[in-house]
């Protein structure tokens, strides 16, 4: 075999390797695109379902549902008292109306396997004694926000309606409480609130894709 024949053979081998690599890269890009589209569609669809379910109640509760499916209760009647974590009667009533229907949606066949975490996030402001150091303020806020989130989680988890009772094993796996330290807030009253947020499994896949692309 001549050197030219060997070189031609090697070129063909490298060509096939390059083609295979290009096909693999295109397949990965298509897979990434499919995951991103699936995540976007699931998120949008869930947002529509949540809004349809609670549309008639949002005004009454002075609540809103954001595009990322966070449910925020803004009514002064349900906000926590300053430096307190006790649930008042009005907020308990709202949670009794809201939570079973919320759980029913998230545990439906359409979403149950897509949910990674339901999170109750407690918030606080920086309104502590003027003598408190930044360290004390931060630690006090974390403690208070965790306590507020825990009180909401505990009350919701303990509801005796059929939907909540039926889905307690599922809630034990996916229902979490999370405290949030204060940030720069224009409305200090709204810092005394909690929010319900949803994290979907497809989010992790999207983040992995983004990190891989860096």
Protein backbone atom coordinates (compact mmCIF):
# COMPACT_ATOMS: atom_id res chain seq x y z
CA UNK A 1 0.00 0.00 0.00
CA UNK A 2 1.39 3.38 -1.00
CA UNK A 3 1.77 6.31 1.38
CA UNK A 4 -0.91 8.21 -0.57
CA UNK A 5 -3.36 5.34 -0.05
CA UNK A 6 -2.59 5.29 3.68
CA UNK A 7 -3.11 9.05 3.91
CA UNK A 8 -6.41 8.77 2.05
CA UNK A 9 -7.53 6.03 4.44
CA UNK A 10 -6.58 8.11 7.48
CA UNK A 11 -8.44 11.11 6.07
CA UNK A 12 -11.55 8.98 5.67
CA UNK A 13 -11.24 7.77 9.28
CA UNK A 14 -10.89 11.33 10.57
CA UNK A 15 -13.81 12.42 8.39
CA UNK A 16 -16.07 9.72 9.85
CA UNK A 17 -14.94 10.67 13.39
CA UNK A 18 -15.72 14.33 12.68
CA UNK A 19 -19.14 13.48 11.25
CA UNK A 20 -19.91 11.28 14.25
CA UNK A 21 -18.85 14.07 16.61
CA UNK A 22 -21.04 16.60 14.78
CA UNK A 23 -24.03 14.25 14.93
CA UNK A 24 -23.46 13.72 18.67
CA UNK A 25 -23.19 17.47 19.30
CA UNK A 26 -26.38 18.13 17.34
CA UNK A 27 -28.16 15.40 19.29
CA UNK A 28 -27.05 16.99 22.57
CA UNK A 29 -28.23 20.42 21.41
CA UNK A 30 -31.60 18.99 20.39
CA UNK A 31 -31.89 17.27 23.78
CA UNK A 32 -31.03 20.51 25.61
CA UNK A 33 -33.60 22.38 23.54
CA UNK A 34 -36.27 19.77 24.29
CA UNK A 35 -35.58 19.98 28.04
CA UNK A 36 -35.70 23.79 28.01
CA UNK A 37 -38.95 23.82 26.02
CA UNK A 38 -40.48 21.19 28.31
CA UNK A 39 -39.54 23.25 31.39
CA UNK A 40 -40.96 26.44 29.90
CA UNK A 41 -44.19 24.77 28.82
CA UNK A 42 -44.69 23.03 32.18
CA UNK A 43 -44.09 26.28 34.03
CA UNK A 44 -46.49 28.27 31.85
CA UNK A 45 -49.14 25.56 31.98
CA UNK A 46 -48.93 25.30 35.77
CA UNK A 47 -49.21 29.07 36.05
CA UNK A 48 -52.42 29.02 34.01
CA UNK A 49 -53.88 26.19 36.10
CA UNK A 50 -53.05 27.96 39.37
CA UNK A 51 -54.52 31.22 38.14
CA UNK A 52 -57.70 29.55 36.89
CA UNK A 53 -58.16 27.83 40.25
CA UNK A 54 -57.58 30.89 42.43
CA UNK A 55 -58.65 33.75 40.16
CA UNK A 56 -61.83 34.48 42.11
CA UNK A 57 -59.97 34.43 45.45
CA UNK A 58 -56.86 36.47 44.70
CA UNK A 59 -58.61 39.80 45.12
CA UNK A 60 -60.30 38.68 48.34
CA UNK A 61 -57.00 37.43 49.77
CA UNK A 62 -55.04 40.38 48.34
CA UNK A 63 -52.71 37.77 46.87
CA UNK A 64 -50.95 37.35 43.56
CA UNK A 65 -49.32 34.57 41.56
CA UNK A 66 -46.07 35.50 39.83
CA UNK A 67 -44.87 34.18 36.47
CA UNK A 68 -42.57 31.75 38.27
CA UNK A 69 -45.60 30.35 40.16
CA UNK A 70 -44.84 31.94 43.52
CA UNK A 71 -47.99 32.63 45.54
CA UNK A 72 -47.69 35.78 47.65
CA UNK A 73 -50.22 36.90 50.27
CA UNK A 74 -50.10 40.69 50.63
CA UNK A 75 -53.13 41.53 52.75
CA UNK A 76 -52.23 43.46 55.93
CA UNK A 77 -54.76 41.23 57.69
CA UNK A 78 -52.60 38.14 57.22
CA UNK A 79 -49.15 39.64 57.73
CA UNK A 80 -47.26 38.65 60.85
CA UNK A 81 -46.98 41.10 63.71
CA UNK A 82 -43.59 42.75 64.11
CA UNK A 83 -41.04 40.27 65.50
CA UNK A 84 -43.75 37.60 65.88
CA UNK A 85 -44.34 34.25 64.17
CA UNK A 86 -47.85 33.41 65.39
CA UNK A 87 -50.50 32.86 62.72
CA UNK A 88 -53.54 35.07 63.16
CA UNK A 89 -57.12 33.91 62.64
CA UNK A 90 -57.44 35.60 59.23
CA UNK A 91 -54.35 33.90 57.84
CA UNK A 92 -55.41 30.52 59.17
CA UNK A 93 -58.73 30.94 57.37
CA UNK A 94 -56.97 31.82 54.11
CA UNK A 95 -54.64 28.82 54.42
CA UNK A 96 -57.60 26.51 55.01
CA UNK A 97 -59.17 27.76 51.78
CA UNK A 98 -55.95 27.83 49.78
CA UNK A 99 -53.74 24.90 50.74
CA UNK A 100 -55.95 21.85 49.97
CA UNK A 101 -56.71 23.18 46.49
CA UNK A 102 -53.04 24.02 45.95
CA UNK A 103 -51.99 20.50 46.95
CA UNK A 104 -54.69 18.95 44.77
CA UNK A 105 -53.21 20.66 41.71
CA UNK A 106 -49.60 19.80 42.51
CA UNK A 107 -50.37 16.15 43.26
CA UNK A 108 -52.43 15.67 40.11
CA UNK A 109 -51.17 13.19 37.53
CA UNK A 110 -50.00 16.06 35.34
CA UNK A 111 -47.59 17.57 37.88
CA UNK A 112 -46.92 15.09 40.68
CA UNK A 113 -43.79 13.61 39.12
CA UNK A 114 -42.53 17.04 38.03
CA UNK A 115 -42.37 18.62 41.48
CA UNK A 116 -39.01 18.67 43.23
CA UNK A 117 -39.99 20.90 46.15
CA UNK A 118 -42.78 23.07 47.53
CA UNK A 119 -41.23 25.70 49.71
CA UNK A 120 -42.76 28.03 52.30
CA UNK A 121 -40.47 31.04 52.53
CA UNK A 122 -40.66 33.27 55.59
CA UNK A 123 -39.53 36.90 55.34
CA UNK A 124 -38.49 39.57 57.82
CA UNK A 125 -37.48 43.23 57.85
CA UNK A 126 -34.48 44.87 59.51
CA UNK A 127 -36.60 46.58 62.18
CA UNK A 128 -34.81 45.50 65.33
CA UNK A 129 -33.58 47.50 68.29
CA UNK A 130 -31.16 50.24 67.25
CA UNK A 131 -28.59 48.79 69.64
CA UNK A 132 -28.48 45.50 67.72
CA UNK A 133 -25.36 44.79 65.71
CA UNK A 134 -25.52 43.67 62.08
CA UNK A 135 -24.63 40.17 63.23
CA UNK A 136 -27.49 40.13 65.77
CA UNK A 137 -29.93 41.55 63.23
CA UNK A 138 -28.99 38.90 60.66
CA UNK A 139 -29.24 36.00 63.12
CA UNK A 140 -32.50 37.31 64.61
CA UNK A 141 -33.98 37.66 61.14
CA UNK A 142 -32.98 34.15 60.14
CA UNK A 143 -34.46 32.74 63.33
CA UNK A 144 -37.70 34.71 62.93
CA UNK A 145 -38.13 33.98 59.22
CA UNK A 146 -37.53 30.27 59.81
CA UNK A 147 -40.07 30.33 62.63
CA UNK A 148 -42.67 32.01 60.42
CA UNK A 149 -42.11 29.53 57.61
CA UNK A 150 -42.29 26.62 60.05
CA UNK A 151 -45.56 27.84 61.59
CA UNK A 152 -47.18 28.04 58.16
CA UNK A 153 -45.84 24.64 57.12
CA UNK A 154 -46.97 23.07 60.38
CA UNK A 155 -50.47 24.52 60.14
CA UNK A 156 -50.91 23.48 56.49
CA UNK A 157 -49.51 19.99 57.04
CA UNK A 158 -51.85 19.46 60.02
CA UNK A 159 -55.06 20.42 58.21
CA UNK A 160 -57.69 17.69 58.48
CA UNK A 161 -59.32 18.01 55.07
CA UNK A 162 -59.33 14.90 52.90
CA UNK A 163 -56.86 16.19 50.29
CA UNK A 164 -54.20 17.16 52.82
CA UNK A 165 -54.58 13.99 54.88
CA UNK A 166 -54.38 11.80 51.79
CA UNK A 167 -51.22 13.50 50.55
CA UNK A 168 -49.26 13.80 53.81
CA UNK A 169 -46.74 11.10 52.78
CA UNK A 170 -46.08 13.08 49.60
CA UNK A 171 -45.84 16.37 51.52
CA UNK A 172 -43.28 14.83 53.86
CA UNK A 173 -41.01 14.31 50.87
CA UNK A 174 -41.50 17.62 49.09
CA UNK A 175 -42.88 20.26 51.50
CA UNK A 176 -40.16 22.46 53.04
CA UNK A 177 -39.82 25.59 55.19
CA UNK A 178 -37.15 28.15 54.42
CA UNK A 179 -36.20 31.38 56.21
CA UNK A 180 -35.11 34.45 54.25
CA UNK A 181 -33.01 37.21 55.80
CA UNK A 182 -34.10 40.78 55.03
CA UNK A 183 -33.08 42.60 51.87
CA UNK A 184 -33.51 46.19 50.73
CA UNK A 185 -37.29 46.46 50.88
CA UNK A 186 -39.32 49.55 50.08
CA UNK A 187 -42.39 48.18 51.82
CA UNK A 188 -41.39 47.04 55.31
CA UNK A 189 -44.88 45.69 56.04
CA UNK A 190 -44.60 43.17 53.21
CA UNK A 191 -41.41 41.85 54.79
CA UNK A 192 -43.67 40.25 57.40
CA UNK A 193 -45.06 37.74 54.92
CA UNK A 194 -44.58 34.22 53.66
CA UNK A 195 -44.60 32.92 50.11
CA UNK A 196 -45.28 29.55 48.54
CA UNK A 197 -42.76 28.67 45.84
CA UNK A 198 -42.45 25.64 43.56
CA UNK A 199 -39.27 24.09 42.24
CA UNK A 200 -39.64 21.66 39.35
CA UNK A 201 -37.28 18.80 38.55
CA UNK A 202 -36.69 20.13 35.05
CA UNK A 203 -35.12 23.26 36.59
CA UNK A 204 -32.10 21.21 37.68
CA UNK A 205 -31.66 19.89 34.15
CA UNK A 206 -31.79 23.42 32.75
CA UNK A 207 -29.22 24.67 35.30
CA UNK A 208 -26.91 21.76 34.47
CA UNK A 209 -27.16 22.63 30.79
CA UNK A 210 -26.36 26.29 31.50
CA UNK A 211 -23.36 25.36 33.66
CA UNK A 212 -22.13 22.98 30.98
CA UNK A 213 -22.29 25.78 28.42
CA UNK A 214 -20.14 28.16 30.54
